[in-house]
Amino acid sequence: MDNLNPLLIAIVPALLTYLGTKYKSQSEREQYASSAWKQLYDETKERMDDLQSQVEMLSEQITEMKAVHAKEVKQLEQQNAELREENRQLRVENGNLKNQLIEKERGK
């Protein structure tokens, strides 16, 4: 037993120092991991917020483009109707001119 006391006196402080250092290292690692996760979360949240604002902006642009497209379609449909009417009138006029030409040739 006499030999055990000096051995314990030498080992116990070294063991306590080792365990204290290990705990401190583990605590530092956990703190670093926690801050790394927080940084990653913050970066991801910032990117998601940026993407969300881009999606909202694109959504507004799409809405505007749809309105412009609908207006253009309406104008083109109106123009098409006018051209069809003009085409019909030109066909009628062409038919009348053909008839007049036929009548003139018969009259000769």
N, C-alpha and C. Protein backbone atom coordinates (compact mmCIF):
# COMPACT_ATOMS: atom_id res chain seq x y z
N MET A 1 0.82 -1.19 0.00
CA MET A 1 0.00 0.00 0.00
C MET A 1 0.86 1.25 0.00
N ASP A 2 1.97 1.16 0.60
CA ASP A 2 2.86 2.31 0.63
C ASP A 2 3.33 2.70 -0.76
N ASN A 3 3.49 1.68 -1.63
CA ASN A 3 3.93 1.96 -3.00
C ASN A 3 2.78 2.51 -3.85
N LEU A 4 1.58 2.23 -3.45
CA LEU A 4 0.42 2.64 -4.23
C LEU A 4 0.16 4.15 -4.11
N ASN A 5 0.36 4.75 -2.94
CA ASN A 5 0.10 6.17 -2.75
C ASN A 5 0.94 7.06 -3.67
N PRO A 6 2.25 6.87 -3.78
CA PRO A 6 3.01 7.73 -4.69
C PRO A 6 2.59 7.54 -6.14
N LEU A 7 2.22 6.30 -6.46
CA LEU A 7 1.78 6.04 -7.83
C LEU A 7 0.47 6.76 -8.10
N LEU A 8 -0.47 6.71 -7.18
CA LEU A 8 -1.73 7.42 -7.32
C LEU A 8 -1.50 8.93 -7.36
N ILE A 9 -0.61 9.42 -6.53
CA ILE A 9 -0.32 10.85 -6.51
C ILE A 9 0.23 11.30 -7.85
N ALA A 10 0.97 10.44 -8.52
CA ALA A 10 1.54 10.80 -9.83
C ALA A 10 0.52 10.64 -10.96
N ILE A 11 -0.29 9.61 -10.86
CA ILE A 11 -1.20 9.29 -11.97
C ILE A 11 -2.48 10.12 -11.94
N VAL A 12 -3.08 10.31 -10.77
CA VAL A 12 -4.37 10.97 -10.68
C VAL A 12 -4.33 12.38 -11.26
N PRO A 13 -3.38 13.23 -10.92
CA PRO A 13 -3.37 14.56 -11.53
C PRO A 13 -3.19 14.51 -13.05
N ALA A 14 -2.33 13.59 -13.50
CA ALA A 14 -2.14 13.46 -14.95
C ALA A 14 -3.43 13.01 -15.62
N LEU A 15 -4.11 12.06 -14.99
CA LEU A 15 -5.38 11.57 -15.53
C LEU A 15 -6.42 12.68 -15.53
N LEU A 16 -6.51 13.46 -14.47
CA LEU A 16 -7.46 14.57 -14.42
C LEU A 16 -7.13 15.64 -15.46
N THR A 17 -5.84 15.90 -15.65
CA THR A 17 -5.42 16.88 -16.67
C THR A 17 -5.81 16.37 -18.05
N TYR A 18 -5.58 15.08 -18.30
CA TYR A 18 -5.93 14.49 -19.60
C TYR A 18 -7.44 14.57 -19.84
N LEU A 19 -8.21 14.18 -18.84
CA LEU A 19 -9.67 14.22 -18.99
C LEU A 19 -10.16 15.65 -19.16
N GLY A 20 -9.58 16.60 -18.45
CA GLY A 20 -9.97 18.00 -18.60
C GLY A 20 -9.65 18.51 -19.99
N THR A 21 -8.50 18.14 -20.52
CA THR A 21 -8.11 18.54 -21.87
C THR A 21 -9.04 17.89 -22.90
N LYS A 22 -9.34 16.62 -22.68
CA LYS A 22 -10.23 15.92 -23.61
C LYS A 22 -11.61 16.56 -23.59
N TYR A 23 -12.12 16.90 -22.43
CA TYR A 23 -13.43 17.53 -22.33
C TYR A 23 -13.41 18.89 -23.02
N LYS A 24 -12.31 19.63 -22.78
CA LYS A 24 -12.20 20.93 -23.41
C LYS A 24 -12.17 20.79 -24.93
N SER A 25 -11.42 19.84 -25.44
CA SER A 25 -11.35 19.62 -26.89
C SER A 25 -12.70 19.22 -27.44
N GLN A 26 -13.38 18.34 -26.73
CA GLN A 26 -14.70 17.91 -27.18
C GLN A 26 -15.66 19.09 -27.17
N SER A 27 -15.59 19.89 -26.13
CA SER A 27 -16.46 21.06 -26.06
C SER A 27 -16.15 22.02 -27.21
N GLU A 28 -14.86 22.22 -27.48
CA GLU A 28 -14.48 23.10 -28.59
C GLU A 28 -14.97 22.53 -29.92
N ARG A 29 -14.84 21.20 -30.09
CA ARG A 29 -15.31 20.58 -31.34
C ARG A 29 -16.83 20.74 -31.48
N GLU A 30 -17.54 20.53 -30.39
CA GLU A 30 -18.99 20.69 -30.43
C GLU A 30 -19.37 22.15 -30.73
N GLN A 31 -18.64 23.08 -30.13
CA GLN A 31 -18.91 24.48 -30.38
C GLN A 31 -18.61 24.84 -31.84
N TYR A 32 -17.50 24.31 -32.37
CA TYR A 32 -17.16 24.56 -33.77
C TYR A 32 -18.22 23.96 -34.70
N ALA A 33 -18.63 22.72 -34.39
CA ALA A 33 -19.65 22.07 -35.21
C ALA A 33 -20.96 22.87 -35.15
N SER A 34 -21.29 23.34 -33.95
CA SER A 34 -22.52 24.11 -33.81
C SER A 34 -22.44 25.41 -34.62
N SER A 35 -21.31 26.10 -34.55
CA SER A 35 -21.19 27.34 -35.31
C SER A 35 -21.15 27.06 -36.82
N ALA A 36 -20.53 25.93 -37.22
CA ALA A 36 -20.50 25.56 -38.63
C ALA A 36 -21.91 25.27 -39.13
N TRP A 37 -22.70 24.55 -38.34
CA TRP A 37 -24.08 24.27 -38.72
C TRP A 37 -24.89 25.56 -38.80
N LYS A 38 -24.67 26.48 -37.84
CA LYS A 38 -25.38 27.75 -37.87
C LYS A 38 -25.02 28.54 -39.11
N GLN A 39 -23.73 28.56 -39.45
CA GLN A 39 -23.29 29.28 -40.64
C GLN A 39 -23.91 28.66 -41.89
N LEU A 40 -23.89 27.32 -41.97
CA LEU A 40 -24.49 26.63 -43.11
C LEU A 40 -25.99 26.94 -43.19
N TYR A 41 -26.67 26.92 -42.05
CA TYR A 41 -28.10 27.24 -42.02
C TYR A 41 -28.34 28.66 -42.51
N ASP A 42 -27.53 29.61 -42.00
CA ASP A 42 -27.70 31.01 -42.40
C ASP A 42 -27.47 31.18 -43.90
N GLU A 43 -26.42 30.54 -44.44
CA GLU A 43 -26.14 30.63 -45.87
C GLU A 43 -27.27 30.02 -46.69
N THR A 44 -27.76 28.87 -46.24
CA THR A 44 -28.85 28.20 -46.95
C THR A 44 -30.11 29.05 -46.89
N LYS A 45 -30.39 29.63 -45.74
CA LYS A 45 -31.57 30.48 -45.60
C LYS A 45 -31.46 31.70 -46.50
N GLU A 46 -30.27 32.30 -46.57
CA GLU A 46 -30.07 33.46 -47.43
C GLU A 46 -30.28 33.09 -48.90
N ARG A 47 -29.74 31.95 -49.29
CA ARG A 47 -29.92 31.50 -50.68
C ARG A 47 -31.39 31.21 -50.97
N MET A 48 -32.08 30.60 -50.03
CA MET A 48 -33.50 30.30 -50.22
C MET A 48 -34.31 31.60 -50.32
N ASP A 49 -33.96 32.58 -49.50
CA ASP A 49 -34.65 33.87 -49.57
C ASP A 49 -34.40 34.54 -50.91
N ASP A 50 -33.15 34.48 -51.39
CA ASP A 50 -32.83 35.03 -52.71
C ASP A 50 -33.62 34.32 -53.81
N LEU A 51 -33.66 33.00 -53.73
CA LEU A 51 -34.42 32.24 -54.73
C LEU A 51 -35.90 32.57 -54.67
N GLN A 52 -36.43 32.73 -53.46
CA GLN A 52 -37.84 33.08 -53.30
C GLN A 52 -38.14 34.43 -53.94
N SER A 53 -37.25 35.39 -53.73
CA SER A 53 -37.49 36.71 -54.33
C SER A 53 -37.38 36.63 -55.84
N GLN A 54 -36.46 35.79 -56.36
CA GLN A 54 -36.36 35.61 -57.81
C GLN A 54 -37.63 34.97 -58.36
N VAL A 55 -38.15 33.98 -57.65
CA VAL A 55 -39.39 33.32 -58.08
C VAL A 55 -40.54 34.32 -58.11
N GLU A 56 -40.63 35.16 -57.10
CA GLU A 56 -41.69 36.18 -57.06
C GLU A 56 -41.54 37.16 -58.22
N MET A 57 -40.29 37.57 -58.50
CA MET A 57 -40.06 38.50 -59.59
C MET A 57 -40.42 37.85 -60.92
N LEU A 58 -40.01 36.58 -61.10
CA LEU A 58 -40.35 35.88 -62.34
C LEU A 58 -41.84 35.67 -62.47
N SER A 59 -42.50 35.42 -61.37
CA SER A 59 -43.96 35.26 -61.39
C SER A 59 -44.63 36.55 -61.85
N GLU A 60 -44.14 37.68 -61.35
CA GLU A 60 -44.70 38.97 -61.78
C GLU A 60 -44.44 39.19 -63.27
N GLN A 61 -43.24 38.84 -63.72
CA GLN A 61 -42.91 39.00 -65.15
C GLN A 61 -43.80 38.12 -66.01
N ILE A 62 -44.05 36.90 -65.55
CA ILE A 62 -44.91 35.98 -66.31
C ILE A 62 -46.32 36.55 -66.40
N THR A 63 -46.83 37.10 -65.29
CA THR A 63 -48.16 37.70 -65.28
C THR A 63 -48.22 38.85 -66.28
N GLU A 64 -47.18 39.70 -66.26
CA GLU A 64 -47.14 40.82 -67.20
C GLU A 64 -47.08 40.32 -68.64
N MET A 65 -46.26 39.30 -68.88
CA MET A 65 -46.12 38.76 -70.24
C MET A 65 -47.43 38.14 -70.72
N LYS A 66 -48.15 37.49 -69.82
CA LYS A 66 -49.44 36.91 -70.18
C LYS A 66 -50.43 38.00 -70.58
N ALA A 67 -50.42 39.10 -69.83
CA ALA A 67 -51.33 40.22 -70.14
C ALA A 67 -50.97 40.81 -71.50
N VAL A 68 -49.68 41.02 -71.75
CA VAL A 68 -49.24 41.56 -73.04
C VAL A 68 -49.60 40.59 -74.16
N HIS A 69 -49.39 39.31 -73.91
CA HIS A 69 -49.70 38.29 -74.92
C HIS A 69 -51.19 38.29 -75.24
N ALA A 70 -52.02 38.35 -74.21
CA ALA A 70 -53.47 38.36 -74.43
C ALA A 70 -53.88 39.59 -75.24
N LYS A 71 -53.27 40.73 -74.94
CA LYS A 71 -53.58 41.95 -75.68
C LYS A 71 -53.15 41.81 -77.14
N GLU A 72 -51.95 41.24 -77.37
CA GLU A 72 -51.47 41.04 -78.73
C GLU A 72 -52.36 40.06 -79.50
N VAL A 73 -52.79 38.99 -78.83
CA VAL A 73 -53.67 38.02 -79.48
C VAL A 73 -54.98 38.69 -79.88
N LYS A 74 -55.52 39.51 -79.00
CA LYS A 74 -56.77 40.21 -79.31
C LYS A 74 -56.59 41.13 -80.51
N GLN A 75 -55.47 41.86 -80.53
CA GLN A 75 -55.19 42.75 -81.67
C GLN A 75 -55.04 41.95 -82.96
N LEU A 76 -54.31 40.84 -82.89
CA LEU A 76 -54.12 40.01 -84.09
C LEU A 76 -55.43 39.40 -84.57
N GLU A 77 -56.27 38.99 -83.63
CA GLU A 77 -57.58 38.45 -84.03
C GLU A 77 -58.42 39.53 -84.71
N GLN A 78 -58.36 40.74 -84.20
CA GLN A 78 -59.10 41.85 -84.81
C GLN A 78 -58.55 42.14 -86.21
N GLN A 79 -57.23 42.17 -86.30
CA GLN A 79 -56.59 42.42 -87.60
C GLN A 79 -56.95 41.30 -88.58
N ASN A 80 -56.97 40.07 -88.11
CA ASN A 80 -57.33 38.93 -88.95
C ASN A 80 -58.76 39.07 -89.44
N ALA A 81 -59.67 39.46 -88.55
CA ALA A 81 -61.07 39.64 -88.95
C ALA A 81 -61.20 40.74 -90.00
N GLU A 82 -60.46 41.84 -89.81
CA GLU A 82 -60.49 42.93 -90.79
C GLU A 82 -59.95 42.46 -92.14
N LEU A 83 -58.86 41.71 -92.12
CA LEU A 83 -58.27 41.20 -93.37
C LEU A 83 -59.21 40.21 -94.07
N ARG A 84 -59.90 39.40 -93.28
CA ARG A 84 -60.87 38.47 -93.88
C ARG A 84 -62.00 39.24 -94.56
N GLU A 85 -62.48 40.28 -93.89
CA GLU A 85 -63.54 41.09 -94.48
C GLU A 85 -63.04 41.77 -95.75
N GLU A 86 -61.83 42.31 -95.70
CA GLU A 86 -61.27 42.94 -96.89
C GLU A 86 -61.11 41.92 -98.02
N ASN A 87 -60.66 40.73 -97.67
CA ASN A 87 -60.50 39.66 -98.66
C ASN A 87 -61.85 39.30 -99.27
N ARG A 88 -62.90 39.21 -98.44
CA ARG A 88 -64.24 38.89 -98.94
C ARG A 88 -64.70 39.98 -99.92
N GLN A 89 -64.50 41.23 -99.52
CA GLN A 89 -64.91 42.33 -100.39
C GLN A 89 -64.14 42.31 -101.72
N LEU A 90 -62.85 42.01 -101.65
CA LEU A 90 -62.05 41.95 -102.88
C LEU A 90 -62.50 40.80 -103.78
N ARG A 91 -62.91 39.68 -103.18
CA ARG A 91 -63.41 38.56 -103.99
C ARG A 91 -64.72 38.94 -104.68
N VAL A 92 -65.58 39.63 -103.92
CA VAL A 92 -66.85 40.08 -104.51
C VAL A 92 -66.56 41.04 -105.66
N GLU A 93 -65.67 41.99 -105.41
CA GLU A 93 -65.32 42.96 -106.45
C GLU A 93 -64.69 42.25 -107.65
N ASN A 94 -63.83 41.28 -107.38
CA ASN A 94 -63.20 40.51 -108.46
C ASN A 94 -64.26 39.76 -109.26
N GLY A 95 -65.22 39.16 -108.56
CA GLY A 95 -66.30 38.46 -109.25
C GLY A 95 -67.12 39.40 -110.11
N ASN A 96 -67.42 40.59 -109.58
CA ASN A 96 -68.19 41.58 -110.35
C ASN A 96 -67.42 42.02 -111.60
N LEU A 97 -66.11 42.22 -111.43
CA LEU A 97 -65.30 42.63 -112.58
C LEU A 97 -65.24 41.52 -113.64
N LYS A 98 -65.14 40.28 -113.17
CA LYS A 98 -65.15 39.16 -114.12
C LYS A 98 -66.46 39.12 -114.89
N ASN A 99 -67.58 39.32 -114.16
CA ASN A 99 -68.89 39.33 -114.82
C ASN A 99 -69.00 40.46 -115.83
N GLN A 100 -68.50 41.64 -115.46
CA GLN A 100 -68.53 42.77 -116.39
C GLN A 100 -67.69 42.47 -117.64
N LEU A 101 -66.53 41.83 -117.44
CA LEU A 101 -65.68 41.48 -118.57
C LEU A 101 -66.37 40.47 -119.47
N ILE A 102 -67.02 39.49 -118.87
CA ILE A 102 -67.75 38.49 -119.66
C ILE A 102 -68.87 39.18 -120.44
N GLU A 103 -69.62 40.09 -119.80
CA GLU A 103 -70.70 40.82 -120.49
C GLU A 103 -70.15 41.66 -121.62
N LYS A 104 -69.03 42.29 -121.45
CA LYS A 104 -68.44 43.10 -122.52
C LYS A 104 -68.04 42.23 -123.69
N GLU A 105 -67.48 41.07 -123.42
CA GLU A 105 -67.06 40.17 -124.49
C GLU A 105 -68.26 39.59 -125.21
N ARG A 106 -69.33 39.36 -124.52
CA ARG A 106 -70.56 38.85 -125.17
C ARG A 106 -71.20 39.95 -126.04
N GLY A 107 -71.06 41.18 -125.57
CA GLY A 107 -71.66 42.30 -126.27
C GLY A 107 -70.91 42.65 -127.56
N LYS A 108 -69.73 42.21 -127.73
CA LYS A 108 -68.98 42.54 -128.92
C LYS A 108 -69.47 41.85 -130.10
